[in-house]
C-alpha atoms as a PDB file:
ATOM      1  CA  UNK A   1      -6.718  20.140  17.526  1.00  0.00           C
ATOM      2  CA  UNK A   2      -3.048  19.830  16.590  1.00  0.00           C
ATOM      3  CA  UNK A   3      -3.997  17.443  13.758  1.00  0.00           C
ATOM      4  CA  UNK A   4      -5.926  20.247  12.053  1.00  0.00           C
ATOM      5  CA  UNK A   5      -2.633  22.149  11.752  1.00  0.00           C
ATOM      6  CA  UNK A   6      -0.910  19.425   9.743  1.00  0.00           C
ATOM      7  CA  UNK A   7      -0.349  20.450   6.115  1.00  0.00           C
ATOM      8  CA  UNK A   8      -2.141  17.471   4.494  1.00  0.00           C
ATOM      9  CA  UNK A   9      -5.208  18.016   6.704  1.00  0.00           C
ATOM     10  CA  UNK A  10      -5.202  21.760   5.977  1.00  0.00           C
ATOM     11  CA  UNK A  11      -5.033  20.969   2.245  1.00  0.00           C
ATOM     12  CA  UNK A  12      -8.157  18.788   2.480  1.00  0.00           C
ATOM     13  CA  UNK A  13      -9.966  21.270   4.722  1.00  0.00           C
ATOM     14  CA  UNK A  14      -9.349  24.150   2.289  1.00  0.00           C
ATOM     15  CA  UNK A  15     -10.721  22.173  -0.671  1.00  0.00           C
ATOM     16  CA  UNK A  16     -13.815  20.853   1.072  1.00  0.00           C
ATOM     17  CA  UNK A  17     -14.639  24.283   2.595  1.00  0.00           C
ATOM     18  CA  UNK A  18     -14.338  25.921  -0.846  1.00  0.00           C
ATOM     19  CA  UNK A  19     -16.644  23.243  -2.237  1.00  0.00           C
ATOM     20  CA  UNK A  20     -19.200  23.625   0.570  1.00  0.00           C
ATOM     21  CA  UNK A  21     -18.936  25.626   3.807  1.00  0.00           C
ATOM     22  CA  UNK A  22     -21.021  22.873   5.445  1.00  0.00           C
ATOM     23  CA  UNK A  23     -18.247  20.293   5.034  1.00  0.00           C
ATOM     24  CA  UNK A  24     -15.618  20.021   7.742  1.00  0.00           C
ATOM     25  CA  UNK A  25     -12.769  17.814   8.851  1.00  0.00           C
ATOM     26  CA  UNK A  26     -13.572  15.726  11.921  1.00  0.00           C
ATOM     27  CA  UNK A  27     -10.910  14.369  14.254  1.00  0.00           C
ATOM     28  CA  UNK A  28     -11.485  10.860  15.535  1.00  0.00           C
ATOM     29  CA  UNK A  29     -10.368   9.692  18.964  1.00  0.00           C
ATOM     30  CA  UNK A  30      -9.056   6.471  17.481  1.00  0.00           C
ATOM     31  CA  UNK A  31      -7.371   5.600  14.204  1.00  0.00           C
ATOM     32  CA  UNK A  32      -9.247   5.309  10.928  1.00  0.00           C
ATOM     33  CA  UNK A  33      -6.232   3.826   9.110  1.00  0.00           C
ATOM     34  CA  UNK A  34      -8.393   0.934   7.856  1.00  0.00           C
ATOM     35  CA  UNK A  35     -12.034   0.904   6.773  1.00  0.00           C
ATOM     36  CA  UNK A  36     -12.886  -1.383   9.686  1.00  0.00           C
ATOM     37  CA  UNK A  37     -11.231   0.938  12.222  1.00  0.00           C
ATOM     38  CA  UNK A  38     -12.951   3.968  10.704  1.00  0.00           C
ATOM     39  CA  UNK A  39     -16.374   2.292  10.762  1.00  0.00           C
ATOM     40  CA  UNK A  40     -15.859   1.314  14.403  1.00  0.00           C
ATOM     41  CA  UNK A  41     -14.803   4.872  15.336  1.00  0.00           C
ATOM     42  CA  UNK A  42     -17.752   6.388  13.478  1.00  0.00           C
ATOM     43  CA  UNK A  43     -20.286   3.707  14.445  1.00  0.00           C
ATOM     44  CA  UNK A  44     -21.289   3.274  10.797  1.00  0.00           C
ATOM     45  CA  UNK A  45     -21.425   0.529   8.194  1.00  0.00           C
ATOM     46  CA  UNK A  46     -17.934  -0.359   6.906  1.00  0.00           C
ATOM     47  CA  UNK A  47     -19.276   0.050   3.350  1.00  0.00           C
ATOM     48  CA  UNK A  48     -19.814   3.779   3.981  1.00  0.00           C
ATOM     49  CA  UNK A  49     -16.063   4.255   4.384  1.00  0.00           C
ATOM     50  CA  UNK A  50     -14.374   5.497   1.206  1.00  0.00           C
ATOM     51  CA  UNK A  51     -11.063   3.727   0.585  1.00  0.00           C
ATOM     52  CA  UNK A  52      -8.783   5.807  -1.664  1.00  0.00           C
ATOM     53  CA  UNK A  53      -6.538   3.356  -3.505  1.00  0.00           C
ATOM     54  CA  UNK A  54      -3.818   4.518  -5.889  1.00  0.00           C
ATOM     55  CA  UNK A  55      -2.915   2.250  -8.793  1.00  0.00           C
ATOM     56  CA  UNK A  56      -0.359   2.465 -11.566  1.00  0.00           C
ATOM     57  CA  UNK A  57      -2.389   2.168 -14.755  1.00  0.00           C
ATOM     58  CA  UNK A  58      -0.642   1.906 -18.110  1.00  0.00           C
ATOM     59  CA  UNK A  59       1.616   5.014 -17.994  1.00  0.00           C
ATOM     60  CA  UNK A  60      -0.088   7.036 -15.279  1.00  0.00           C
ATOM     61  CA  UNK A  61      -1.517   6.853 -11.773  1.00  0.00           C
ATOM     62  CA  UNK A  62      -5.232   6.517 -11.140  1.00  0.00           C
ATOM     63  CA  UNK A  63      -7.125   6.808  -7.861  1.00  0.00           C
ATOM     64  CA  UNK A  64      -9.983   4.423  -7.192  1.00  0.00           C
ATOM     65  CA  UNK A  65     -12.544   5.255  -4.499  1.00  0.00           C
ATOM     66  CA  UNK A  66     -13.814   1.961  -3.166  1.00  0.00           C
ATOM     67  CA  UNK A  67     -16.492   1.094  -0.584  1.00  0.00           C
ATOM     68  CA  UNK A  68     -14.931  -0.142   2.654  1.00  0.00           C
ATOM     69  CA  UNK A  69     -16.673  -3.502   2.416  1.00  0.00           C
ATOM     70  CA  UNK A  70     -15.498  -4.177  -1.152  1.00  0.00           C
ATOM     71  CA  UNK A  71     -12.240  -5.053  -2.883  1.00  0.00           C
ATOM     72  CA  UNK A  72     -10.942  -3.447  -6.054  1.00  0.00           C
ATOM     73  CA  UNK A  73     -11.304  -5.866  -8.960  1.00  0.00           C
ATOM     74  CA  UNK A  74      -8.318  -5.693 -11.294  1.00  0.00           C
ATOM     75  CA  UNK A  75     -10.323  -7.738 -13.800  1.00  0.00           C
ATOM     76  CA  UNK A  76     -13.195  -5.201 -13.830  1.00  0.00           C
ATOM     77  CA  UNK A  77     -10.787  -2.246 -13.877  1.00  0.00           C
ATOM     78  CA  UNK A  78      -9.044  -3.680 -16.930  1.00  0.00           C
ATOM     79  CA  UNK A  79     -12.290  -4.663 -18.678  1.00  0.00           C
ATOM     80  CA  UNK A  80     -14.550  -1.691 -17.831  1.00  0.00           C
ATOM     81  CA  UNK A  81     -11.988   1.096 -18.018  1.00  0.00           C
ATOM     82  CA  UNK A  82      -9.843  -0.464 -20.756  1.00  0.00           C
ATOM     83  CA  UNK A  83      -6.512  -0.427 -18.900  1.00  0.00           C
ATOM     84  CA  UNK A  84      -4.069  -3.135 -19.935  1.00  0.00           C
ATOM     85  CA  UNK A  85      -1.612  -2.802 -17.050  1.00  0.00           C
ATOM     86  CA  UNK A  86      -2.855  -2.240 -13.489  1.00  0.00           C
ATOM     87  CA  UNK A  87      -0.939  -2.618 -10.219  1.00  0.00           C
ATOM     88  CA  UNK A  88      -1.026  -1.122  -6.724  1.00  0.00           C
ATOM     89  CA  UNK A  89       1.210   1.897  -6.180  1.00  0.00           C
ATOM     90  CA  UNK A  90       3.900   1.567  -3.515  1.00  0.00           C
ATOM     91  CA  UNK A  91       3.691   3.541  -0.252  1.00  0.00           C
ATOM     92  CA  UNK A  92       6.403   5.871  -1.574  1.00  0.00           C
ATOM     93  CA  UNK A  93       4.521   6.435  -4.844  1.00  0.00           C
ATOM     94  CA  UNK A  94       1.306   7.117  -2.906  1.00  0.00           C
ATOM     95  CA  UNK A  95       3.086   9.798  -0.833  1.00  0.00           C
ATOM     96  CA  UNK A  96       4.747  11.365  -3.914  1.00  0.00           C
ATOM     97  CA  UNK A  97       1.597  11.465  -6.068  1.00  0.00           C
ATOM     98  CA  UNK A  98      -1.073  12.258  -3.476  1.00  0.00           C
ATOM     99  CA  UNK A  99       0.920  13.949  -0.720  1.00  0.00           C
ATOM    100  CA  UNK A 100      -0.695  11.643   1.832  1.00  0.00           C
ATOM    101  CA  UNK A 101       0.519   8.587   3.697  1.00  0.00           C
ATOM    102  CA  UNK A 102      -1.402   5.336   3.426  1.00  0.00           C
ATOM    103  CA  UNK A 103      -4.296   5.395   5.890  1.00  0.00           C
ATOM    104  CA  UNK A 104      -4.873   9.104   5.374  1.00  0.00           C
ATOM    105  CA  UNK A 105      -5.239   9.321   1.576  1.00  0.00           C
ATOM    106  CA  UNK A 106      -8.046  11.726   0.802  1.00  0.00           C
ATOM    107  CA  UNK A 107     -10.117  11.690  -2.391  1.00  0.00           C
ATOM    108  CA  UNK A 108      -9.167  15.387  -2.861  1.00  0.00           C
ATOM    109  CA  UNK A 109      -6.100  17.627  -2.666  1.00  0.00           C
ATOM    110  CA  UNK A 110      -3.486  15.499  -4.402  1.00  0.00           C
ATOM    111  CA  UNK A 111      -0.068  16.924  -5.221  1.00  0.00           C
ATOM    112  CA  UNK A 112      -0.253  15.613  -8.802  1.00  0.00           C
ATOM    113  CA  UNK A 113      -3.286  15.356 -11.056  1.00  0.00           C
ATOM    114  CA  UNK A 114      -4.798  11.886 -11.134  1.00  0.00           C
ATOM    115  CA  UNK A 115      -7.867  10.460 -12.806  1.00  0.00           C
ATOM    116  CA  UNK A 116     -10.446   9.295 -10.275  1.00  0.00           C
ATOM    117  CA  UNK A 117     -12.930   6.448 -10.560  1.00  0.00           C
ATOM    118  CA  UNK A 118     -15.664   5.920  -8.001  1.00  0.00           C
ATOM    119  CA  UNK A 119     -17.053   2.521  -7.070  1.00  0.00           C
ATOM    120  CA  UNK A 120     -20.750   2.651  -7.962  1.00  0.00           C
ATOM    121  CA  UNK A 121     -21.619   0.617  -4.843  1.00  0.00           C
ATOM    122  CA  UNK A 122     -20.826   3.681  -2.691  1.00  0.00           C
ATOM    123  CA  UNK A 123     -24.195   5.027  -3.899  1.00  0.00           C
ATOM    124  CA  UNK A 124     -25.913   2.662  -1.407  1.00  0.00           C
ATOM    125  CA  UNK A 125     -25.214   5.055   1.459  1.00  0.00           C
ATOM    126  CA  UNK A 126     -26.745   8.429   2.345  1.00  0.00           C
ATOM    127  CA  UNK A 127     -23.484   9.495   4.021  1.00  0.00           C
ATOM    128  CA  UNK A 128     -19.932   8.536   3.165  1.00  0.00           C
ATOM    129  CA  UNK A 129     -16.783   9.063   5.210  1.00  0.00           C
ATOM    130  CA  UNK A 130     -13.431   9.727   3.557  1.00  0.00           C
ATOM    131  CA  UNK A 131      -9.930  10.260   4.907  1.00  0.00           C
ATOM    132  CA  UNK A 132      -8.884  13.862   5.339  1.00  0.00           C
ATOM    133  CA  UNK A 133      -5.095  13.736   5.119  1.00  0.00           C
ATOM    134  CA  UNK A 134      -4.366  11.834   8.355  1.00  0.00           C
ATOM    135  CA  UNK A 135      -5.469   8.437   9.730  1.00  0.00           C
ATOM    136  CA  UNK A 136      -7.408  10.166  12.535  1.00  0.00           C
ATOM    137  CA  UNK A 137      -9.129  12.731  10.301  1.00  0.00           C
ATOM    138  CA  UNK A 138     -12.178  12.223   8.090  1.00  0.00           C
ATOM    139  CA  UNK A 139     -14.889  14.232   6.368  1.00  0.00           C
ATOM    140  CA  UNK A 140     -18.483  13.275   5.689  1.00  0.00           C
ATOM    141  CA  UNK A 141     -19.991  13.719   2.238  1.00  0.00           C
ATOM    142  CA  UNK A 142     -22.814  12.245   0.149  1.00  0.00           C
ATOM    143  CA  UNK A 143     -22.300  10.238  -3.040  1.00  0.00           C
ATOM    144  CA  UNK A 144     -23.359  12.977  -5.484  1.00  0.00           C
ATOM    145  CA  UNK A 145     -21.077  15.545  -3.862  1.00  0.00           C
ATOM    146  CA  UNK A 146     -18.186  13.057  -3.758  1.00  0.00           C
ATOM    147  CA  UNK A 147     -18.561  12.730  -7.522  1.00  0.00           C
ATOM    148  CA  UNK A 148     -18.704  16.516  -7.929  1.00  0.00           C
ATOM    149  CA  UNK A 149     -15.773  17.382  -5.652  1.00  0.00           C
ATOM    150  CA  UNK A 150     -13.490  14.754  -7.248  1.00  0.00           C
ATOM    151  CA  UNK A 151     -14.741  15.002 -10.839  1.00  0.00           C
ATOM    152  CA  UNK A 152     -14.774  11.237 -10.534  1.00  0.00           C
ATOM    153  CA  UNK A 153     -16.199   8.769 -13.001  1.00  0.00           C
ATOM    154  CA  UNK A 154     -18.667   6.256 -11.555  1.00  0.00           C
ATOM    155  CA  UNK A 155     -17.879   2.695 -12.578  1.00  0.00           C
ATOM    156  CA  UNK A 156     -18.313  -0.929 -11.527  1.00  0.00           C
ATOM    157  CA  UNK A 157     -14.771  -1.633 -10.253  1.00  0.00           C
ATOM    158  CA  UNK A 158     -15.218  -3.928  -7.256  1.00  0.00           C
ATOM    159  CA  UNK A 159     -15.866  -7.542  -6.378  1.00  0.00           C
END
């Protein structure tokens, strides 16, 4: 239970509880640092894992929520969202902007405001699992509520 006392996890827990008292942070016995590890720990399809990927886009940072079995497509991001310059944020930038370390980046509770785009292929799953501020912490949510809690824009952004 010590993980629930970590500030990034508490930040996620506060936001998801305010959104819906039914949502809660779950601690996994093993790491969920990667989508594959998370799917193994949760005994679910790797596509149901929400990868939160921070990119530098033009002059700002943008978070892309990608299905665990997909890869972000820079070509589609540039074409569909009309960004001219797109690159992955560094680990240091991820920590500064989101307040989370890579492997525990949650779709909610970022230190700085970021635009959020959601991979439309996540809609294939009844339940999704997203990081909750630490590589061993996740929360379960459905696609519609993920869109609502993040104010995310649904888009075709994967290959």
